[in-house]
Amino acid sequence: MTKSSFDKSPDQEFSVGLPVGIIVFCMLGISVYLAVLGADIPPPSTKVYLTADVTGQP
């Protein structure tokens, strides 16, 4: 039986660790970049808008 050219050998497959490592590296890089710049990221707004506030009626 011959091997198809589309068959992958086990050593050519990527493991899950590579993409996770890239994501973690990018997140750490962004965090260090923001820390060095001293960026102040405000928390998201927690206001609750009622329908009366939106329409402008009391």
N, C-alpha and C. Protein backbone atom coordinates (compact mmCIF):
# COMPACT_ATOMS: atom_id res chain seq x y z
N MET A 1 0.84 -1.17 0.00
CA MET A 1 0.00 0.00 0.00
C MET A 1 0.90 1.25 0.00
N THR A 2 0.62 2.17 -0.90
CA THR A 2 1.44 3.37 -1.00
C THR A 2 0.85 4.48 -0.15
N LYS A 3 1.71 5.35 0.27
CA LYS A 3 1.29 6.47 1.11
C LYS A 3 0.88 7.63 0.21
N SER A 4 -0.24 8.24 0.52
CA SER A 4 -0.69 9.39 -0.25
C SER A 4 0.17 10.60 0.08
N SER A 5 0.29 11.50 -0.89
CA SER A 5 1.08 12.70 -0.65
C SER A 5 0.39 13.65 0.32
N PHE A 6 -0.90 13.44 0.57
CA PHE A 6 -1.64 14.30 1.50
C PHE A 6 -1.55 13.82 2.94
N ASP A 7 -1.04 12.64 3.16
CA ASP A 7 -0.90 12.14 4.53
C ASP A 7 0.22 12.90 5.24
N LYS A 8 -0.08 13.31 6.47
CA LYS A 8 0.93 14.03 7.25
C LYS A 8 1.63 13.06 8.18
N SER A 9 2.90 13.26 8.32
CA SER A 9 3.61 12.46 9.30
C SER A 9 3.39 13.09 10.68
N PRO A 10 3.47 12.33 11.74
CA PRO A 10 3.17 12.85 13.08
C PRO A 10 4.08 14.00 13.51
N ASP A 11 5.29 14.08 13.00
CA ASP A 11 6.20 15.13 13.45
C ASP A 11 5.93 16.47 12.77
N GLN A 12 5.07 16.53 11.76
CA GLN A 12 4.77 17.78 11.08
C GLN A 12 3.57 18.51 11.68
N GLU A 13 2.84 17.87 12.55
CA GLU A 13 1.65 18.50 13.11
C GLU A 13 2.02 19.49 14.21
N PHE A 14 1.24 20.58 14.28
CA PHE A 14 1.45 21.56 15.33
C PHE A 14 0.69 21.13 16.57
N SER A 15 1.27 21.34 17.71
CA SER A 15 0.58 21.03 18.95
C SER A 15 -0.21 22.26 19.38
N VAL A 16 -0.99 22.11 20.43
CA VAL A 16 -1.79 23.21 20.94
C VAL A 16 -0.90 24.25 21.60
N GLY A 17 0.26 23.85 22.08
CA GLY A 17 1.13 24.76 22.81
C GLY A 17 1.65 25.92 21.98
N LEU A 18 1.84 25.72 20.70
CA LEU A 18 2.37 26.80 19.86
C LEU A 18 1.40 27.98 19.75
N PRO A 19 0.13 27.78 19.36
CA PRO A 19 -0.78 28.92 19.30
C PRO A 19 -1.02 29.56 20.66
N VAL A 20 -1.09 28.75 21.71
CA VAL A 20 -1.30 29.30 23.05
C VAL A 20 -0.09 30.13 23.46
N GLY A 21 1.09 29.66 23.14
CA GLY A 21 2.30 30.41 23.45
C GLY A 21 2.36 31.73 22.72
N ILE A 22 1.94 31.75 21.46
CA ILE A 22 1.93 32.99 20.68
C ILE A 22 0.95 33.99 21.29
N ILE A 23 -0.24 33.51 21.67
CA ILE A 23 -1.25 34.39 22.26
C ILE A 23 -0.76 34.95 23.59
N VAL A 24 -0.18 34.10 24.43
CA VAL A 24 0.31 34.56 25.74
C VAL A 24 1.45 35.57 25.55
N PHE A 25 2.33 35.30 24.61
CA PHE A 25 3.44 36.22 24.34
C PHE A 25 2.92 37.58 23.89
N CYS A 26 1.92 37.60 23.01
CA CYS A 26 1.36 38.87 22.54
C CYS A 26 0.65 39.61 23.68
N MET A 27 -0.08 38.89 24.52
CA MET A 27 -0.78 39.54 25.63
C MET A 27 0.22 40.14 26.62
N LEU A 28 1.29 39.42 26.92
CA LEU A 28 2.31 39.96 27.82
C LEU A 28 3.01 41.16 27.20
N GLY A 29 3.26 41.10 25.92
CA GLY A 29 3.89 42.23 25.24
C GLY A 29 3.03 43.48 25.28
N ILE A 30 1.73 43.32 25.04
CA ILE A 30 0.82 44.47 25.10
C ILE A 30 0.74 45.00 26.52
N SER A 31 0.69 44.12 27.51
CA SER A 31 0.61 44.56 28.91
C SER A 31 1.86 45.35 29.30
N VAL A 32 3.04 44.86 28.91
CA VAL A 32 4.28 45.58 29.23
C VAL A 32 4.31 46.91 28.51
N TYR A 33 3.87 46.95 27.27
CA TYR A 33 3.84 48.19 26.50
C TYR A 33 2.94 49.22 27.17
N LEU A 34 1.76 48.81 27.61
CA LEU A 34 0.85 49.74 28.28
C LEU A 34 1.40 50.17 29.63
N ALA A 35 2.06 49.28 30.33
CA ALA A 35 2.63 49.63 31.63
C ALA A 35 3.76 50.63 31.47
N VAL A 36 4.58 50.47 30.45
CA VAL A 36 5.69 51.40 30.22
C VAL A 36 5.16 52.79 29.85
N LEU A 37 4.10 52.83 29.05
CA LEU A 37 3.52 54.11 28.66
C LEU A 37 2.71 54.74 29.79
N GLY A 38 2.35 53.95 30.79
CA GLY A 38 1.53 54.46 31.87
C GLY A 38 0.11 54.75 31.42
N ALA A 39 -0.39 53.94 30.52
CA ALA A 39 -1.73 54.16 29.98
C ALA A 39 -2.77 53.89 31.06
N ASP A 40 -3.74 54.79 31.15
CA ASP A 40 -4.82 54.64 32.12
C ASP A 40 -6.08 54.25 31.35
N ILE A 41 -6.47 52.99 31.49
CA ILE A 41 -7.65 52.50 30.80
C ILE A 41 -8.82 52.56 31.78
N PRO A 42 -9.81 53.41 31.51
CA PRO A 42 -10.94 53.51 32.43
C PRO A 42 -11.83 52.26 32.37
N PRO A 43 -12.46 51.93 33.48
CA PRO A 43 -13.37 50.78 33.45
C PRO A 43 -14.60 51.09 32.62
N PRO A 44 -15.27 50.09 32.12
CA PRO A 44 -16.47 50.34 31.32
C PRO A 44 -17.57 50.96 32.17
N SER A 45 -18.44 51.70 31.52
CA SER A 45 -19.53 52.37 32.21
C SER A 45 -20.53 51.35 32.73
N THR A 46 -21.00 51.57 33.96
CA THR A 46 -21.97 50.64 34.55
C THR A 46 -23.33 51.30 34.72
N LYS A 47 -23.59 52.36 33.97
CA LYS A 47 -24.87 53.06 34.07
C LYS A 47 -25.98 52.19 33.50
N VAL A 48 -27.15 52.35 34.08
CA VAL A 48 -28.34 51.66 33.58
C VAL A 48 -29.29 52.72 33.07
N TYR A 49 -29.65 52.60 31.82
CA TYR A 49 -30.54 53.58 31.21
C TYR A 49 -31.97 53.02 31.18
N LEU A 50 -32.89 53.80 31.70
CA LEU A 50 -34.29 53.42 31.67
C LEU A 50 -34.93 53.99 30.40
N THR A 51 -36.07 53.42 30.01
CA THR A 51 -36.73 53.89 28.79
C THR A 51 -37.18 55.32 28.94
N ALA A 52 -37.53 55.76 30.14
CA ALA A 52 -37.94 57.14 30.34
C ALA A 52 -36.76 58.09 30.10
N ASP A 53 -35.55 57.67 30.43
CA ASP A 53 -34.37 58.50 30.21
C ASP A 53 -34.07 58.61 28.71
N VAL A 54 -34.30 57.55 27.98
CA VAL A 54 -33.97 57.55 26.56
C VAL A 54 -34.97 58.41 25.80
N THR A 55 -36.24 58.31 26.11
CA THR A 55 -37.25 59.07 25.36
C THR A 55 -37.35 60.51 25.84
N GLY A 56 -36.78 60.83 27.01
CA GLY A 56 -36.80 62.19 27.50
C GLY A 56 -38.07 62.54 28.25
N GLN A 57 -38.91 61.58 28.57
CA GLN A 57 -40.14 61.86 29.30
C GLN A 57 -39.95 61.54 30.77
N PRO A 58 -40.61 62.32 31.64
CA PRO A 58 -40.46 62.08 33.09
C PRO A 58 -41.13 60.80 33.55
